[in-house]
């Protein structure tokens, strides 16, 4: 398992990510974020992934479902969601 943290969103680090992808040609790619699906970097970066990667290498999104609010308002629910998304992000494909 390799974890890659993308900190520079613009300009998108195409060459750097191409090098990472080339190092792991058979790896599943997972985009994980804490923000809801309609927030954070995912909506903006999906088009980059569509341009750069073949269809069979597109990332699987792991994170909170789309929401009008960036937080649940419940500490208990937040921790449940956080644990679920980390578990899902680290799950090996079958």
PDB file of N, CA and C in Angstrom:
ATOM      1  N   UNK A   1       0.851  -1.168   0.000  1.00  0.00           N
ATOM      2  CA  UNK A   1       0.000   0.000   0.000  1.00  0.00           C
ATOM      3  C   UNK A   1       0.895   1.229   0.000  1.00  0.00           C
ATOM      4  N   UNK A   2       0.540   2.162  -0.840  1.00  0.00           N
ATOM      5  CA  UNK A   2       1.256   3.434  -0.889  1.00  0.00           C
ATOM      6  C   UNK A   2       0.234   4.547  -0.699  1.00  0.00           C
ATOM      7  N   UNK A   3       0.546   5.473   0.161  1.00  0.00           N
ATOM      8  CA  UNK A   3      -0.318   6.634   0.381  1.00  0.00           C
ATOM      9  C   UNK A   3       0.370   7.846  -0.228  1.00  0.00           C
ATOM     10  N   UNK A   4      -0.367   8.580  -1.047  1.00  0.00           N
ATOM     11  CA  UNK A   4       0.171   9.775  -1.689  1.00  0.00           C
ATOM     12  C   UNK A   4      -0.713  10.942  -1.288  1.00  0.00           C
ATOM     13  N   UNK A   5      -0.101  11.945  -0.774  1.00  0.00           N
ATOM     14  CA  UNK A   5      -0.844  13.136  -0.347  1.00  0.00           C
ATOM     15  C   UNK A   5      -0.672  14.201  -1.429  1.00  0.00           C
ATOM     16  N   UNK A   6      -1.770  14.652  -1.996  1.00  0.00           N
ATOM     17  CA  UNK A   6      -1.734  15.689  -3.028  1.00  0.00           C
ATOM     18  C   UNK A   6      -1.999  17.015  -2.338  1.00  0.00           C
ATOM     19  N   UNK A   7      -0.981  17.847  -2.277  1.00  0.00           N
ATOM     20  CA  UNK A   7      -1.121  19.131  -1.596  1.00  0.00           C
ATOM     21  C   UNK A   7      -1.258  20.283  -2.568  1.00  0.00           C
ATOM     22  N   UNK A   8      -0.719  20.123  -3.753  1.00  0.00           N
ATOM     23  CA  UNK A   8      -0.810  21.182  -4.753  1.00  0.00           C
ATOM     24  C   UNK A   8      -1.926  20.835  -5.721  1.00  0.00           C
ATOM     25  N   UNK A   9      -2.968  21.625  -5.695  1.00  0.00           N
ATOM     26  CA  UNK A   9      -4.107  21.351  -6.564  1.00  0.00           C
ATOM     27  C   UNK A   9      -4.043  22.130  -7.864  1.00  0.00           C
ATOM     28  N   UNK A  10      -3.353  23.263  -7.861  1.00  0.00           N
ATOM     29  CA  UNK A  10      -3.183  24.034  -9.078  1.00  0.00           C
ATOM     30  C   UNK A  10      -1.843  24.721  -9.063  1.00  0.00           C
ATOM     31  N   UNK A  11      -1.049  24.639 -10.090  1.00  0.00           N
ATOM     32  CA  UNK A  11      -1.323  23.764 -11.224  1.00  0.00           C
ATOM     33  C   UNK A  11      -1.255  22.299 -10.786  1.00  0.00           C
ATOM     34  N   UNK A  12      -2.109  21.487 -11.391  1.00  0.00           N
ATOM     35  CA  UNK A  12      -2.192  20.081 -11.025  1.00  0.00           C
ATOM     36  C   UNK A  12      -0.856  19.391 -11.307  1.00  0.00           C
ATOM     37  N   UNK A  13      -0.338  18.614 -10.347  1.00  0.00           N
ATOM     38  CA  UNK A  13       0.994  18.002 -10.486  1.00  0.00           C
ATOM     39  C   UNK A  13       0.986  16.761 -11.396  1.00  0.00           C
ATOM     40  N   UNK A  14       0.752  16.982 -12.677  1.00  0.00           N
ATOM     41  CA  UNK A  14       0.605  15.899 -13.647  1.00  0.00           C
ATOM     42  C   UNK A  14       1.835  14.997 -13.685  1.00  0.00           C
ATOM     43  N   UNK A  15       3.003  15.558 -13.871  1.00  0.00           N
ATOM     44  CA  UNK A  15       4.221  14.751 -14.000  1.00  0.00           C
ATOM     45  C   UNK A  15       4.489  13.937 -12.736  1.00  0.00           C
ATOM     46  N   UNK A  16       4.294  14.542 -11.586  1.00  0.00           N
ATOM     47  CA  UNK A  16       4.560  13.849 -10.329  1.00  0.00           C
ATOM     48  C   UNK A  16       3.602  12.669 -10.145  1.00  0.00           C
ATOM     49  N   UNK A  17       2.325  12.889 -10.445  1.00  0.00           N
ATOM     50  CA  UNK A  17       1.363  11.800 -10.298  1.00  0.00           C
ATOM     51  C   UNK A  17       1.563  10.724 -11.356  1.00  0.00           C
ATOM     52  N   UNK A  18       1.941  11.109 -12.566  1.00  0.00           N
ATOM     53  CA  UNK A  18       2.262  10.111 -13.596  1.00  0.00           C
ATOM     54  C   UNK A  18       3.378   9.191 -13.116  1.00  0.00           C
ATOM     55  N   UNK A  19       4.386   9.755 -12.467  1.00  0.00           N
ATOM     56  CA  UNK A  19       5.496   8.947 -11.948  1.00  0.00           C
ATOM     57  C   UNK A  19       5.018   7.987 -10.868  1.00  0.00           C
ATOM     58  N   UNK A  20       4.136   8.460 -10.007  1.00  0.00           N
ATOM     59  CA  UNK A  20       3.588   7.589  -8.956  1.00  0.00           C
ATOM     60  C   UNK A  20       2.779   6.466  -9.582  1.00  0.00           C
ATOM     61  N   UNK A  21       1.890   6.807 -10.529  1.00  0.00           N
ATOM     62  CA  UNK A  21       1.061   5.781 -11.180  1.00  0.00           C
ATOM     63  C   UNK A  21       1.926   4.745 -11.878  1.00  0.00           C
ATOM     64  N   UNK A  22       3.002   5.185 -12.524  1.00  0.00           N
ATOM     65  CA  UNK A  22       3.893   4.264 -13.233  1.00  0.00           C
ATOM     66  C   UNK A  22       4.581   3.303 -12.272  1.00  0.00           C
ATOM     67  N   UNK A  23       4.812   3.739 -11.054  1.00  0.00           N
ATOM     68  CA  UNK A  23       5.461   2.884 -10.050  1.00  0.00           C
ATOM     69  C   UNK A  23       4.553   1.777  -9.545  1.00  0.00           C
ATOM     70  N   UNK A  24       3.259   1.959  -9.692  1.00  0.00           N
ATOM     71  CA  UNK A  24       2.275   0.994  -9.196  1.00  0.00           C
ATOM     72  C   UNK A  24       1.247   0.695 -10.297  1.00  0.00           C
ATOM     73  N   UNK A  25       1.665   0.019 -11.366  1.00  0.00           N
ATOM     74  CA  UNK A  25       0.783  -0.145 -12.526  1.00  0.00           C
ATOM     75  C   UNK A  25      -0.474  -0.971 -12.269  1.00  0.00           C
ATOM     76  N   UNK A  26      -0.467  -1.824 -11.270  1.00  0.00           N
ATOM     77  CA  UNK A  26      -1.623  -2.679 -10.999  1.00  0.00           C
ATOM     78  C   UNK A  26      -2.414  -2.252  -9.770  1.00  0.00           C
ATOM     79  N   UNK A  27      -2.033  -1.143  -9.181  1.00  0.00           N
ATOM     80  CA  UNK A  27      -2.679  -0.710  -7.939  1.00  0.00           C
ATOM     81  C   UNK A  27      -4.034  -0.076  -8.197  1.00  0.00           C
ATOM     82  N   UNK A  28      -4.939  -0.292  -7.249  1.00  0.00           N
ATOM     83  CA  UNK A  28      -6.197   0.426  -7.264  1.00  0.00           C
ATOM     84  C   UNK A  28      -5.909   1.838  -6.770  1.00  0.00           C
ATOM     85  N   UNK A  29      -6.528   2.824  -7.397  1.00  0.00           N
ATOM     86  CA  UNK A  29      -6.344   4.212  -6.995  1.00  0.00           C
ATOM     87  C   UNK A  29      -7.590   4.649  -6.235  1.00  0.00           C
ATOM     88  N   UNK A  30      -7.381   5.223  -5.060  1.00  0.00           N
ATOM     89  CA  UNK A  30      -8.484   5.674  -4.207  1.00  0.00           C
ATOM     90  C   UNK A  30      -8.271   7.146  -3.897  1.00  0.00           C
ATOM     91  N   UNK A  31      -9.304   7.948  -4.130  1.00  0.00           N
ATOM     92  CA  UNK A  31      -9.275   9.339  -3.681  1.00  0.00           C
ATOM     93  C   UNK A  31     -10.071   9.402  -2.388  1.00  0.00           C
ATOM     94  N   UNK A  32      -9.415   9.776  -1.300  1.00  0.00           N
ATOM     95  CA  UNK A  32     -10.076   9.843  -0.007  1.00  0.00           C
ATOM     96  C   UNK A  32     -10.023  11.281   0.494  1.00  0.00           C
ATOM     97  N   UNK A  33     -11.166  11.775   0.938  1.00  0.00           N
ATOM     98  CA  UNK A  33     -11.210  13.108   1.527  1.00  0.00           C
ATOM     99  C   UNK A  33     -12.229  13.119   2.648  1.00  0.00           C
ATOM    100  N   UNK A  34     -11.989  14.003   3.613  1.00  0.00           N
ATOM    101  CA  UNK A  34     -12.900  14.124   4.753  1.00  0.00           C
ATOM    102  C   UNK A  34     -14.135  14.945   4.412  1.00  0.00           C
ATOM    103  N   UNK A  35     -14.000  15.879   3.494  1.00  0.00           N
ATOM    104  CA  UNK A  35     -15.130  16.738   3.137  1.00  0.00           C
ATOM    105  C   UNK A  35     -16.194  15.928   2.395  1.00  0.00           C
ATOM    106  N   UNK A  36     -17.443  16.404   2.413  1.00  0.00           N
ATOM    107  CA  UNK A  36     -18.471  15.744   1.618  1.00  0.00           C
ATOM    108  C   UNK A  36     -18.091  15.712   0.135  1.00  0.00           C
ATOM    109  N   UNK A  37     -18.692  14.790  -0.599  1.00  0.00           N
ATOM    110  CA  UNK A  37     -18.329  14.548  -2.000  1.00  0.00           C
ATOM    111  C   UNK A  37     -18.448  15.803  -2.870  1.00  0.00           C
ATOM    112  N   UNK A  38     -19.401  16.667  -2.582  1.00  0.00           N
ATOM    113  CA  UNK A  38     -19.590  17.871  -3.386  1.00  0.00           C
ATOM    114  C   UNK A  38     -18.733  19.044  -2.895  1.00  0.00           C
ATOM    115  N   UNK A  39     -17.862  18.793  -1.950  1.00  0.00           N
ATOM    116  CA  UNK A  39     -16.965  19.822  -1.421  1.00  0.00           C
ATOM    117  C   UNK A  39     -15.540  19.297  -1.501  1.00  0.00           C
ATOM    118  N   UNK A  40     -14.604  20.028  -0.981  1.00  0.00           N
ATOM    119  CA  UNK A  40     -13.228  19.559  -1.024  1.00  0.00           C
ATOM    120  C   UNK A  40     -12.689  19.550  -2.445  1.00  0.00           C
ATOM    121  N   UNK A  41     -11.655  18.787  -2.685  1.00  0.00           N
ATOM    122  CA  UNK A  41     -10.971  18.791  -3.976  1.00  0.00           C
ATOM    123  C   UNK A  41     -11.618  17.883  -5.014  1.00  0.00           C
ATOM    124  N   UNK A  42     -12.368  16.867  -4.597  1.00  0.00           N
ATOM    125  CA  UNK A  42     -12.883  15.875  -5.540  1.00  0.00           C
ATOM    126  C   UNK A  42     -13.628  16.461  -6.738  1.00  0.00           C
ATOM    127  N   UNK A  43     -14.603  17.351  -6.553  1.00  0.00           N
ATOM    128  CA  UNK A  43     -15.332  17.858  -7.726  1.00  0.00           C
ATOM    129  C   UNK A  43     -14.419  18.554  -8.739  1.00  0.00           C
ATOM    130  N   UNK A  44     -13.406  19.244  -8.258  1.00  0.00           N
ATOM    131  CA  UNK A  44     -12.497  19.976  -9.133  1.00  0.00           C
ATOM    132  C   UNK A  44     -11.487  19.058  -9.810  1.00  0.00           C
ATOM    133  N   UNK A  45     -11.017  18.045  -9.095  1.00  0.00           N
ATOM    134  CA  UNK A  45      -9.941  17.210  -9.634  1.00  0.00           C
ATOM    135  C   UNK A  45     -10.418  16.048 -10.480  1.00  0.00           C
ATOM    136  N   UNK A  46     -11.672  15.700 -10.401  1.00  0.00           N
ATOM    137  CA  UNK A  46     -12.167  14.573 -11.179  1.00  0.00           C
ATOM    138  C   UNK A  46     -11.874  14.756 -12.665  1.00  0.00           C
ATOM    139  N   UNK A  47     -12.034  15.965 -13.187  1.00  0.00           N
ATOM    140  CA  UNK A  47     -11.779  16.166 -14.621  1.00  0.00           C
ATOM    141  C   UNK A  47     -10.313  15.914 -14.964  1.00  0.00           C
ATOM    142  N   UNK A  48      -9.397  16.213 -14.036  1.00  0.00           N
ATOM    143  CA  UNK A  48      -7.975  15.921 -14.297  1.00  0.00           C
ATOM    144  C   UNK A  48      -7.764  14.417 -14.393  1.00  0.00           C
ATOM    145  N   UNK A  49      -8.361  13.671 -13.487  1.00  0.00           N
ATOM    146  CA  UNK A  49      -8.222  12.221 -13.533  1.00  0.00           C
ATOM    147  C   UNK A  49      -8.807  11.659 -14.829  1.00  0.00           C
ATOM    148  N   UNK A  50      -9.933  12.194 -15.274  1.00  0.00           N
ATOM    149  CA  UNK A  50     -10.547  11.724 -16.513  1.00  0.00           C
ATOM    150  C   UNK A  50      -9.645  11.981 -17.720  1.00  0.00           C
ATOM    151  N   UNK A  51      -8.924  13.086 -17.707  1.00  0.00           N
ATOM    152  CA  UNK A  51      -8.014  13.413 -18.804  1.00  0.00           C
ATOM    153  C   UNK A  51      -6.721  12.602 -18.758  1.00  0.00           C
ATOM    154  N   UNK A  52      -6.224  12.323 -17.574  1.00  0.00           N
ATOM    155  CA  UNK A  52      -4.894  11.734 -17.431  1.00  0.00           C
ATOM    156  C   UNK A  52      -4.866  10.215 -17.381  1.00  0.00           C
ATOM    157  N   UNK A  53      -5.928   9.601 -16.914  1.00  0.00           N
ATOM    158  CA  UNK A  53      -5.883   8.171 -16.649  1.00  0.00           C
ATOM    159  C   UNK A  53      -6.796   7.389 -17.586  1.00  0.00           C
ATOM    160  N   UNK A  54      -6.388   6.189 -17.944  1.00  0.00           N
ATOM    161  CA  UNK A  54      -7.306   5.341 -18.706  1.00  0.00           C
ATOM    162  C   UNK A  54      -8.489   4.954 -17.818  1.00  0.00           C
ATOM    163  N   UNK A  55      -9.593   4.604 -18.436  1.00  0.00           N
ATOM    164  CA  UNK A  55     -10.832   4.330 -17.695  1.00  0.00           C
ATOM    165  C   UNK A  55     -10.649   3.285 -16.605  1.00  0.00           C
ATOM    166  N   UNK A  56      -9.813   2.283 -16.843  1.00  0.00           N
ATOM    167  CA  UNK A  56      -9.637   1.228 -15.839  1.00  0.00           C
ATOM    168  C   UNK A  56      -8.763   1.672 -14.661  1.00  0.00           C
ATOM    169  N   UNK A  57      -8.185   2.865 -14.721  1.00  0.00           N
ATOM    170  CA  UNK A  57      -7.344   3.366 -13.625  1.00  0.00           C
ATOM    171  C   UNK A  57      -7.976   4.542 -12.891  1.00  0.00           C
ATOM    172  N   UNK A  58      -9.214   4.880 -13.176  1.00  0.00           N
ATOM    173  CA  UNK A  58      -9.846   6.016 -12.501  1.00  0.00           C
ATOM    174  C   UNK A  58      -9.977   5.743 -11.011  1.00  0.00           C
ATOM    175  N   UNK A  59      -9.785   6.762 -10.187  1.00  0.00           N
ATOM    176  CA  UNK A  59      -9.851   6.555  -8.744  1.00  0.00           C
ATOM    177  C   UNK A  59     -11.258   6.261  -8.253  1.00  0.00           C
ATOM    178  N   UNK A  60     -11.298   5.489  -7.196  1.00  0.00           N
ATOM    179  CA  UNK A  60     -12.542   5.205  -6.475  1.00  0.00           C
ATOM    180  C   UNK A  60     -12.656   6.266  -5.382  1.00  0.00           C
ATOM    181  N   UNK A  61     -13.789   6.937  -5.326  1.00  0.00           N
ATOM    182  CA  UNK A  61     -14.006   7.973  -4.313  1.00  0.00           C
ATOM    183  C   UNK A  61     -14.359   7.325  -2.983  1.00  0.00           C
ATOM    184  N   UNK A  62     -13.696   7.776  -1.924  1.00  0.00           N
ATOM    185  CA  UNK A  62     -14.041   7.383  -0.563  1.00  0.00           C
ATOM    186  C   UNK A  62     -14.126   8.665   0.256  1.00  0.00           C
ATOM    187  N   UNK A  63     -15.268   8.875   0.857  1.00  0.00           N
ATOM    188  CA  UNK A  63     -15.462  10.061   1.678  1.00  0.00           C
ATOM    189  C   UNK A  63     -16.919  10.162   2.071  1.00  0.00           C
ATOM    190  N   UNK A  64     -17.247  11.277   2.626  1.00  0.00           N
ATOM    191  CA  UNK A  64     -18.635  11.487   3.035  1.00  0.00           C
ATOM    192  C   UNK A  64     -19.508  11.725   1.806  1.00  0.00           C
ATOM    193  N   UNK A  65     -20.772  11.344   1.914  1.00  0.00           N
ATOM    194  CA  UNK A  65     -21.699  11.573   0.800  1.00  0.00           C
ATOM    195  C   UNK A  65     -21.928  13.073   0.639  1.00  0.00           C
ATOM    196  N   UNK A  66     -22.436  13.472  -0.520  1.00  0.00           N
ATOM    197  CA  UNK A  66     -22.714  14.886  -0.782  1.00  0.00           C
ATOM    198  C   UNK A  66     -23.667  15.438   0.278  1.00  0.00           C
ATOM    199  N   UNK A  67     -23.450  16.694   0.636  1.00  0.00           N
ATOM    200  CA  UNK A  67     -24.237  17.296   1.700  1.00  0.00           C
ATOM    201  C   UNK A  67     -24.257  18.811   1.538  1.00  0.00           C
ATOM    202  N   UNK A  68     -25.308  19.434   2.036  1.00  0.00           N
ATOM    203  CA  UNK A  68     -25.393  20.895   2.030  1.00  0.00           C
ATOM    204  C   UNK A  68     -24.541  21.504   3.132  1.00  0.00           C
ATOM    205  N   UNK A  69     -24.134  20.674   4.094  1.00  0.00           N
ATOM    206  CA  UNK A  69     -23.353  21.146   5.233  1.00  0.00           C
ATOM    207  C   UNK A  69     -22.012  20.423   5.278  1.00  0.00           C
ATOM    208  N   UNK A  70     -20.932  21.107   5.640  1.00  0.00           N
ATOM    209  CA  UNK A  70     -19.640  20.444   5.721  1.00  0.00           C
ATOM    210  C   UNK A  70     -19.481  19.559   6.957  1.00  0.00           C
ATOM    211  N   UNK A  71     -20.405  19.635   7.893  1.00  0.00           N
ATOM    212  CA  UNK A  71     -20.305  18.826   9.114  1.00  0.00           C
ATOM    213  C   UNK A  71     -21.690  18.340   9.534  1.00  0.00           C
ATOM    214  N   UNK A  72     -21.717  17.223  10.250  1.00  0.00           N
ATOM    215  CA  UNK A  72     -22.992  16.639  10.666  1.00  0.00           C
ATOM    216  C   UNK A  72     -23.630  17.388  11.830  1.00  0.00           C
ATOM    217  N   UNK A  73     -22.823  18.054  12.643  1.00  0.00           N
ATOM    218  CA  UNK A  73     -23.338  18.715  13.837  1.00  0.00           C
ATOM    219  C   UNK A  73     -23.363  17.793  15.036  1.00  0.00           C
ATOM    220  N   UNK A  74     -22.984  16.533  14.831  1.00  0.00           N
ATOM    221  CA  UNK A  74     -22.955  15.550  15.911  1.00  0.00           C
ATOM    222  C   UNK A  74     -21.552  14.959  16.009  1.00  0.00           C
ATOM    223  N   UNK A  75     -20.924  15.127  17.140  1.00  0.00           N
ATOM    224  CA  UNK A  75     -19.574  14.584  17.329  1.00  0.00           C
ATOM    225  C   UNK A  75     -19.573  13.066  17.168  1.00  0.00           C
ATOM    226  N   UNK A  76     -20.575  12.403  17.715  1.00  0.00           N
ATOM    227  CA  UNK A  76     -20.671  10.948  17.604  1.00  0.00           C
ATOM    228  C   UNK A  76     -20.785  10.518  16.136  1.00  0.00           C
ATOM    229  N   UNK A  77     -21.661  11.167  15.390  1.00  0.00           N
ATOM    230  CA  UNK A  77     -21.847  10.839  13.968  1.00  0.00           C
ATOM    231  C   UNK A  77     -20.577  11.144  13.179  1.00  0.00           C
ATOM    232  N   UNK A  78     -19.911  12.253  13.491  1.00  0.00           N
ATOM    233  CA  UNK A  78     -18.662  12.602  12.817  1.00  0.00           C
ATOM    234  C   UNK A  78     -17.628  11.490  12.991  1.00  0.00           C
ATOM    235  N   UNK A  79     -17.472  10.997  14.212  1.00  0.00           N
ATOM    236  CA  UNK A  79     -16.493   9.931  14.463  1.00  0.00           C
ATOM    237  C   UNK A  79     -16.887   8.632  13.766  1.00  0.00           C
ATOM    238  N   UNK A  80     -18.175   8.328  13.718  1.00  0.00           N
ATOM    239  CA  UNK A  80     -18.641   7.150  12.982  1.00  0.00           C
ATOM    240  C   UNK A  80     -18.268   7.263  11.501  1.00  0.00           C
ATOM    241  N   UNK A  81     -18.570   8.425  10.904  1.00  0.00           N
ATOM    242  CA  UNK A  81     -18.255   8.646   9.495  1.00  0.00           C
ATOM    243  C   UNK A  81     -16.751   8.604   9.247  1.00  0.00           C
ATOM    244  N   UNK A  82     -15.982   9.212  10.146  1.00  0.00           N
ATOM    245  CA  UNK A  82     -14.525   9.248   9.998  1.00  0.00           C
ATOM    246  C   UNK A  82     -13.957   7.829  10.025  1.00  0.00           C
ATOM    247  N   UNK A  83     -14.380   7.026  10.972  1.00  0.00           N
ATOM    248  CA  UNK A  83     -13.902   5.644  11.057  1.00  0.00           C
ATOM    249  C   UNK A  83     -14.296   4.848   9.818  1.00  0.00           C
ATOM    250  N   UNK A  84     -15.508   5.058   9.335  1.00  0.00           N
ATOM    251  CA  UNK A  84     -15.977   4.334   8.152  1.00  0.00           C
ATOM    252  C   UNK A  84     -15.177   4.714   6.909  1.00  0.00           C
ATOM    253  N   UNK A  85     -14.881   5.993   6.732  1.00  0.00           N
ATOM    254  CA  UNK A  85     -14.159   6.372   5.524  1.00  0.00           C
ATOM    255  C   UNK A  85     -12.703   5.929   5.564  1.00  0.00           C
ATOM    256  N   UNK A  86     -12.074   5.948   6.719  1.00  0.00           N
ATOM    257  CA  UNK A  86     -10.696   5.441   6.819  1.00  0.00           C
ATOM    258  C   UNK A  86     -10.662   3.935   6.573  1.00  0.00           C
ATOM    259  N   UNK A  87     -11.603   3.211   7.144  1.00  0.00           N
ATOM    260  CA  UNK A  87     -11.674   1.762   6.932  1.00  0.00           C
ATOM    261  C   UNK A  87     -11.873   1.450   5.454  1.00  0.00           C
ATOM    262  N   UNK A  88     -12.781   2.165   4.812  1.00  0.00           N
ATOM    263  CA  UNK A  88     -13.052   1.933   3.391  1.00  0.00           C
ATOM    264  C   UNK A  88     -11.854   2.312   2.521  1.00  0.00           C
ATOM    265  N   UNK A  89     -11.194   3.398   2.835  1.00  0.00           N
ATOM    266  CA  UNK A  89     -10.040   3.831   2.040  1.00  0.00           C
ATOM    267  C   UNK A  89      -8.899   2.816   2.104  1.00  0.00           C
ATOM    268  N   UNK A  90      -8.751   2.153   3.237  1.00  0.00           N
ATOM    269  CA  UNK A  90      -7.648   1.202   3.416  1.00  0.00           C
ATOM    270  C   UNK A  90      -8.037  -0.231   3.061  1.00  0.00           C
ATOM    271  N   UNK A  91      -9.268  -0.441   2.606  1.00  0.00           N
ATOM    272  CA  UNK A  91      -9.737  -1.773   2.231  1.00  0.00           C
ATOM    273  C   UNK A  91      -9.063  -2.209   0.936  1.00  0.00           C
ATOM    274  N   UNK A  92      -8.553  -3.420   0.939  1.00  0.00           N
ATOM    275  CA  UNK A  92      -7.966  -3.971  -0.277  1.00  0.00           C
ATOM    276  C   UNK A  92      -9.075  -4.463  -1.186  1.00  0.00           C
ATOM    277  N   UNK A  93      -8.951  -4.229  -2.494  1.00  0.00           N
ATOM    278  CA  UNK A  93      -9.971  -4.750  -3.411  1.00  0.00           C
ATOM    279  C   UNK A  93      -9.952  -6.270  -3.424  1.00  0.00           C
ATOM    280  N   UNK A  94     -11.084  -6.854  -3.707  1.00  0.00           N
ATOM    281  CA  UNK A  94     -11.150  -8.323  -3.741  1.00  0.00           C
ATOM    282  C   UNK A  94     -11.152  -8.822  -5.144  1.00  0.00           C
TER     283      UNK A  94
END
